[in-house]
Amino acid sequence: MISGKKKILLDLDGVLNEYGETSYDENYIPKIKHGAIDFIRSLSEIGELYLFTSRNLKLTAKWLFENNIDGYFNDITNIKIPSYLYIDDRCVCFKGNYAQTLEEIKNFKVHWQ
């Protein structure tokens, strides 16, 4: 898809699904998180969406299709492609201050813990 929209890379586990409520199973992707479909729909109006995951790509494509959100994504990747923005539950945003960043890393917890 070619557009004037900026690329946005979204993580799957912990962002779009209920990851963290069950133990990890490589053959099962947890249910879609409440509010994720509306979020994706709104985000697709301002960005060109790509799904980022280390999961099996066929399983992930099936999950997208089953949740009727496959049409919002341009691709699924396990590579951190150059993007305008990354949305992930396991990241710290560097704001130009190394001391602050180290403190955020030391105190980091994912939202579902």
N, C-alpha and C. Protein backbone atom coordinates (compact mmCIF):
# COMPACT_ATOMS: atom_id res chain seq x y z
N MET A 1 0.84 -1.18 0.00
CA MET A 1 0.00 0.00 0.00
C MET A 1 0.89 1.24 0.00
N ILE A 2 0.73 2.10 -0.97
CA ILE A 2 1.49 3.33 -1.04
C ILE A 2 0.57 4.47 -0.62
N SER A 3 1.03 5.24 0.34
CA SER A 3 0.22 6.37 0.81
C SER A 3 1.15 7.42 1.40
N GLY A 4 0.58 8.55 1.76
CA GLY A 4 1.35 9.61 2.41
C GLY A 4 1.40 9.41 3.91
N LYS A 5 0.80 8.34 4.39
CA LYS A 5 0.78 8.06 5.82
C LYS A 5 2.13 7.54 6.30
N LYS A 6 2.45 7.81 7.54
CA LYS A 6 3.70 7.34 8.13
C LYS A 6 3.53 5.91 8.64
N LYS A 7 4.61 5.13 8.53
CA LYS A 7 4.58 3.74 9.00
C LYS A 7 4.54 3.70 10.52
N ILE A 8 3.65 2.86 11.02
CA ILE A 8 3.55 2.62 12.46
C ILE A 8 3.65 1.12 12.66
N LEU A 9 4.58 0.70 13.50
CA LEU A 9 4.81 -0.70 13.79
C LEU A 9 4.19 -1.03 15.14
N LEU A 10 3.22 -1.96 15.15
CA LEU A 10 2.55 -2.36 16.39
C LEU A 10 3.00 -3.75 16.80
N ASP A 11 3.29 -3.91 18.06
CA ASP A 11 3.61 -5.22 18.61
C ASP A 11 2.30 -5.98 18.85
N LEU A 12 2.35 -7.29 18.73
CA LEU A 12 1.15 -8.11 18.95
C LEU A 12 0.94 -8.42 20.43
N ASP A 13 1.85 -9.20 21.00
CA ASP A 13 1.66 -9.68 22.38
C ASP A 13 1.75 -8.54 23.39
N GLY A 14 0.70 -8.42 24.19
CA GLY A 14 0.66 -7.42 25.23
C GLY A 14 0.14 -6.07 24.78
N VAL A 15 0.02 -5.89 23.47
CA VAL A 15 -0.53 -4.64 22.93
C VAL A 15 -1.90 -4.89 22.33
N LEU A 16 -1.99 -5.86 21.44
CA LEU A 16 -3.27 -6.14 20.78
C LEU A 16 -4.00 -7.34 21.37
N ASN A 17 -3.31 -8.16 22.13
CA ASN A 17 -3.98 -9.32 22.71
C ASN A 17 -3.82 -9.34 24.23
N GLU A 18 -4.48 -10.29 24.85
CA GLU A 18 -4.48 -10.41 26.31
C GLU A 18 -3.28 -11.20 26.83
N TYR A 19 -2.16 -11.01 26.21
CA TYR A 19 -0.91 -11.65 26.62
C TYR A 19 -0.62 -11.31 28.08
N GLY A 20 -0.17 -12.28 28.82
CA GLY A 20 0.14 -12.05 30.22
C GLY A 20 -0.91 -12.63 31.15
N GLU A 21 -2.12 -12.88 30.61
CA GLU A 21 -3.17 -13.48 31.43
C GLU A 21 -3.02 -15.00 31.50
N THR A 22 -2.31 -15.56 30.53
CA THR A 22 -2.05 -17.00 30.50
C THR A 22 -0.57 -17.20 30.25
N SER A 23 -0.09 -18.40 30.45
CA SER A 23 1.31 -18.68 30.16
C SER A 23 1.50 -18.73 28.64
N TYR A 24 2.71 -18.46 28.20
CA TYR A 24 3.01 -18.40 26.77
C TYR A 24 2.86 -19.77 26.12
N ASP A 25 2.19 -19.81 24.98
CA ASP A 25 2.04 -21.01 24.18
C ASP A 25 2.30 -20.61 22.74
N GLU A 26 3.35 -21.16 22.14
CA GLU A 26 3.73 -20.75 20.78
C GLU A 26 2.67 -21.10 19.73
N ASN A 27 1.75 -22.00 20.07
CA ASN A 27 0.72 -22.42 19.12
C ASN A 27 -0.64 -21.76 19.37
N TYR A 28 -0.68 -20.81 20.29
CA TYR A 28 -1.95 -20.17 20.63
C TYR A 28 -1.71 -18.68 20.88
N ILE A 29 -2.49 -17.84 20.21
CA ILE A 29 -2.43 -16.40 20.46
C ILE A 29 -3.67 -16.03 21.27
N PRO A 30 -3.48 -15.42 22.43
CA PRO A 30 -4.63 -15.07 23.28
C PRO A 30 -5.63 -14.15 22.57
N LYS A 31 -6.81 -14.05 23.16
CA LYS A 31 -7.89 -13.27 22.56
C LYS A 31 -7.49 -11.80 22.42
N ILE A 32 -8.17 -11.13 21.51
CA ILE A 32 -7.91 -9.72 21.25
C ILE A 32 -8.30 -8.90 22.47
N LYS A 33 -7.52 -7.90 22.76
CA LYS A 33 -7.72 -7.04 23.93
C LYS A 33 -8.92 -6.12 23.68
N HIS A 34 -9.71 -5.90 24.71
CA HIS A 34 -10.87 -5.02 24.62
C HIS A 34 -10.41 -3.63 24.18
N GLY A 35 -11.06 -3.10 23.16
CA GLY A 35 -10.74 -1.76 22.66
C GLY A 35 -9.72 -1.76 21.53
N ALA A 36 -9.08 -2.91 21.28
CA ALA A 36 -8.02 -2.96 20.27
C ALA A 36 -8.54 -2.69 18.87
N ILE A 37 -9.72 -3.21 18.55
CA ILE A 37 -10.24 -3.02 17.19
C ILE A 37 -10.51 -1.55 16.91
N ASP A 38 -11.13 -0.85 17.83
CA ASP A 38 -11.37 0.59 17.65
C ASP A 38 -10.06 1.35 17.57
N PHE A 39 -9.09 0.97 18.39
CA PHE A 39 -7.77 1.60 18.37
C PHE A 39 -7.11 1.42 17.00
N ILE A 40 -7.13 0.19 16.49
CA ILE A 40 -6.53 -0.11 15.19
C ILE A 40 -7.23 0.67 14.09
N ARG A 41 -8.54 0.69 14.13
CA ARG A 41 -9.32 1.41 13.12
C ARG A 41 -8.94 2.89 13.11
N SER A 42 -8.88 3.50 14.28
CA SER A 42 -8.52 4.92 14.38
C SER A 42 -7.08 5.17 13.95
N LEU A 43 -6.20 4.30 14.38
CA LEU A 43 -4.78 4.45 14.06
C LEU A 43 -4.53 4.30 12.55
N SER A 44 -5.31 3.44 11.91
CA SER A 44 -5.14 3.22 10.46
C SER A 44 -5.51 4.46 9.65
N GLU A 45 -6.28 5.35 10.23
CA GLU A 45 -6.64 6.59 9.54
C GLU A 45 -5.48 7.57 9.49
N ILE A 46 -4.55 7.43 10.42
CA ILE A 46 -3.41 8.36 10.46
C ILE A 46 -2.07 7.71 10.14
N GLY A 47 -2.04 6.38 10.08
CA GLY A 47 -0.78 5.69 9.82
C GLY A 47 -0.94 4.46 8.97
N GLU A 48 0.15 4.04 8.37
CA GLU A 48 0.23 2.80 7.59
C GLU A 48 0.70 1.73 8.56
N LEU A 49 -0.14 0.77 8.89
CA LEU A 49 0.12 -0.16 9.99
C LEU A 49 0.84 -1.43 9.55
N TYR A 50 1.80 -1.83 10.39
CA TYR A 50 2.54 -3.07 10.23
C TYR A 50 2.53 -3.77 11.58
N LEU A 51 2.32 -5.07 11.57
CA LEU A 51 2.29 -5.84 12.80
C LEU A 51 3.65 -6.48 13.03
N PHE A 52 4.17 -6.30 14.24
CA PHE A 52 5.46 -6.84 14.61
C PHE A 52 5.26 -7.96 15.63
N THR A 53 5.86 -9.13 15.35
CA THR A 53 5.75 -10.24 16.28
C THR A 53 6.86 -11.25 16.02
N SER A 54 7.24 -11.96 17.06
CA SER A 54 8.20 -13.05 16.90
C SER A 54 7.47 -14.38 16.73
N ARG A 55 6.15 -14.32 16.73
CA ARG A 55 5.34 -15.54 16.56
C ARG A 55 5.36 -16.02 15.11
N ASN A 56 4.88 -17.25 14.94
CA ASN A 56 4.73 -17.84 13.61
C ASN A 56 3.85 -16.92 12.76
N LEU A 57 4.34 -16.56 11.58
CA LEU A 57 3.63 -15.59 10.75
C LEU A 57 2.29 -16.11 10.23
N LYS A 58 2.21 -17.42 9.92
CA LYS A 58 0.92 -17.99 9.46
C LYS A 58 -0.11 -17.98 10.58
N LEU A 59 0.32 -18.34 11.79
CA LEU A 59 -0.58 -18.32 12.94
C LEU A 59 -1.05 -16.90 13.21
N THR A 60 -0.15 -15.94 13.08
CA THR A 60 -0.49 -14.54 13.30
C THR A 60 -1.47 -14.05 12.25
N ALA A 61 -1.25 -14.39 10.99
CA ALA A 61 -2.16 -13.99 9.92
C ALA A 61 -3.55 -14.56 10.17
N LYS A 62 -3.62 -15.80 10.61
CA LYS A 62 -4.90 -16.45 10.93
C LYS A 62 -5.60 -15.70 12.06
N TRP A 63 -4.85 -15.31 13.08
CA TRP A 63 -5.41 -14.57 14.22
C TRP A 63 -5.98 -13.23 13.75
N LEU A 64 -5.24 -12.53 12.90
CA LEU A 64 -5.73 -11.25 12.36
C LEU A 64 -7.04 -11.46 11.60
N PHE A 65 -7.08 -12.48 10.76
CA PHE A 65 -8.26 -12.79 9.96
C PHE A 65 -9.45 -13.14 10.86
N GLU A 66 -9.23 -13.99 11.86
CA GLU A 66 -10.30 -14.42 12.76
C GLU A 66 -10.88 -13.24 13.55
N ASN A 67 -10.06 -12.21 13.77
CA ASN A 67 -10.51 -11.03 14.52
C ASN A 67 -10.95 -9.88 13.60
N ASN A 68 -11.03 -10.18 12.30
CA ASN A 68 -11.48 -9.20 11.30
C ASN A 68 -10.68 -7.91 11.30
N ILE A 69 -9.37 -8.03 11.51
CA ILE A 69 -8.52 -6.84 11.49
C ILE A 69 -7.38 -6.99 10.48
N ASP A 70 -7.41 -8.04 9.70
CA ASP A 70 -6.34 -8.28 8.72
C ASP A 70 -6.25 -7.16 7.68
N GLY A 71 -7.36 -6.55 7.33
CA GLY A 71 -7.37 -5.51 6.32
C GLY A 71 -6.73 -4.20 6.75
N TYR A 72 -6.46 -4.04 8.03
CA TYR A 72 -5.85 -2.81 8.52
C TYR A 72 -4.32 -2.82 8.44
N PHE A 73 -3.75 -4.02 8.25
CA PHE A 73 -2.30 -4.14 8.27
C PHE A 73 -1.73 -4.36 6.88
N ASN A 74 -0.64 -3.68 6.59
CA ASN A 74 0.05 -3.82 5.31
C ASN A 74 0.92 -5.05 5.27
N ASP A 75 1.41 -5.48 6.43
CA ASP A 75 2.27 -6.65 6.47
C ASP A 75 2.46 -7.08 7.92
N ILE A 76 2.96 -8.30 8.09
CA ILE A 76 3.37 -8.84 9.38
C ILE A 76 4.87 -9.07 9.28
N THR A 77 5.60 -8.66 10.29
CA THR A 77 7.04 -8.80 10.23
C THR A 77 7.61 -9.19 11.59
N ASN A 78 8.77 -9.83 11.56
CA ASN A 78 9.50 -10.09 12.80
C ASN A 78 10.79 -9.27 12.82
N ILE A 79 10.84 -8.30 11.92
CA ILE A 79 11.99 -7.40 11.81
C ILE A 79 11.54 -5.99 12.16
N LYS A 80 12.34 -5.31 12.94
CA LYS A 80 12.02 -3.93 13.32
C LYS A 80 12.31 -3.03 12.12
N ILE A 81 11.32 -2.89 11.24
CA ILE A 81 11.49 -2.11 10.02
C ILE A 81 11.51 -0.61 10.36
N PRO A 82 12.19 0.19 9.56
CA PRO A 82 12.20 1.63 9.81
C PRO A 82 10.77 2.16 9.81
N SER A 83 10.40 2.83 10.88
CA SER A 83 9.03 3.33 11.04
C SER A 83 9.06 4.67 11.74
N TYR A 84 7.98 5.39 11.59
CA TYR A 84 7.81 6.67 12.27
C TYR A 84 7.63 6.45 13.77
N LEU A 85 6.94 5.35 14.11
CA LEU A 85 6.57 5.12 15.49
C LEU A 85 6.48 3.63 15.77
N TYR A 86 6.89 3.22 16.98
CA TYR A 86 6.77 1.83 17.43
C TYR A 86 5.87 1.81 18.66
N ILE A 87 4.90 0.91 18.64
CA ILE A 87 4.01 0.76 19.79
C ILE A 87 4.25 -0.64 20.35
N ASP A 88 4.77 -0.68 21.58
CA ASP A 88 5.19 -1.94 22.18
C ASP A 88 5.01 -1.85 23.69
N ASP A 89 4.70 -2.96 24.33
CA ASP A 89 4.53 -2.97 25.78
C ASP A 89 5.85 -3.19 26.52
N ARG A 90 6.92 -3.43 25.79
CA ARG A 90 8.22 -3.67 26.41
C ARG A 90 9.26 -2.69 25.87
N CYS A 91 9.02 -1.43 26.11
CA CYS A 91 9.99 -0.44 25.63
C CYS A 91 10.07 0.74 26.59
N VAL A 92 11.15 1.45 26.47
CA VAL A 92 11.36 2.68 27.20
C VAL A 92 11.65 3.74 26.15
N CYS A 93 10.98 4.84 26.24
CA CYS A 93 11.18 5.92 25.27
C CYS A 93 12.36 6.78 25.73
N PHE A 94 13.38 6.88 24.90
CA PHE A 94 14.53 7.72 25.21
C PHE A 94 14.16 9.17 24.95
N LYS A 95 14.26 10.00 25.99
CA LYS A 95 13.86 11.40 25.90
C LYS A 95 15.06 12.34 25.98
N GLY A 96 16.26 11.81 25.69
CA GLY A 96 17.45 12.64 25.66
C GLY A 96 18.24 12.68 26.95
N ASN A 97 17.78 11.97 27.99
CA ASN A 97 18.45 12.01 29.28
C ASN A 97 18.82 10.59 29.69
N TYR A 98 20.12 10.28 29.70
CA TYR A 98 20.57 8.92 30.01
C TYR A 98 20.27 8.51 31.45
N ALA A 99 20.45 9.41 32.40
CA ALA A 99 20.18 9.08 33.81
C ALA A 99 18.70 8.74 33.99
N GLN A 100 17.83 9.54 33.39
CA GLN A 100 16.39 9.28 33.48
C GLN A 100 16.05 7.93 32.83
N THR A 101 16.68 7.65 31.69
CA THR A 101 16.43 6.39 30.99
C THR A 101 16.87 5.20 31.84
N LEU A 102 18.03 5.30 32.49
CA LEU A 102 18.49 4.21 33.37
C LEU A 102 17.51 3.97 34.51
N GLU A 103 16.97 5.03 35.08
CA GLU A 103 15.98 4.89 36.16
C GLU A 103 14.72 4.21 35.65
N GLU A 104 14.27 4.60 34.46
CA GLU A 104 13.09 3.97 33.89
C GLU A 104 13.33 2.49 33.63
N ILE A 105 14.52 2.14 33.19
CA ILE A 105 14.86 0.73 32.95
C ILE A 105 14.87 -0.04 34.26
N LYS A 106 15.47 0.52 35.29
CA LYS A 106 15.54 -0.15 36.60
C LYS A 106 14.16 -0.39 37.19
N ASN A 107 13.23 0.51 36.92
CA ASN A 107 11.88 0.43 37.49
C ASN A 107 10.83 -0.10 36.52
N PHE A 108 11.26 -0.59 35.37
CA PHE A 108 10.34 -1.01 34.32
C PHE A 108 9.51 -2.23 34.72
N LYS A 109 8.23 -2.14 34.41
CA LYS A 109 7.29 -3.26 34.55
C LYS A 109 6.32 -3.17 33.37
N VAL A 110 6.01 -4.31 32.77
CA VAL A 110 5.00 -4.28 31.72
C VAL A 110 3.64 -4.01 32.37
N HIS A 111 2.73 -3.44 31.61
CA HIS A 111 1.45 -3.00 32.17
C HIS A 111 0.62 -4.15 32.73
N TRP A 112 0.85 -5.36 32.28
CA TRP A 112 0.01 -6.48 32.73
C TRP A 112 0.61 -7.22 33.92
N GLN A 113 1.66 -6.69 34.51
CA GLN A 113 2.24 -7.34 35.71
C GLN A 113 1.97 -6.52 36.93
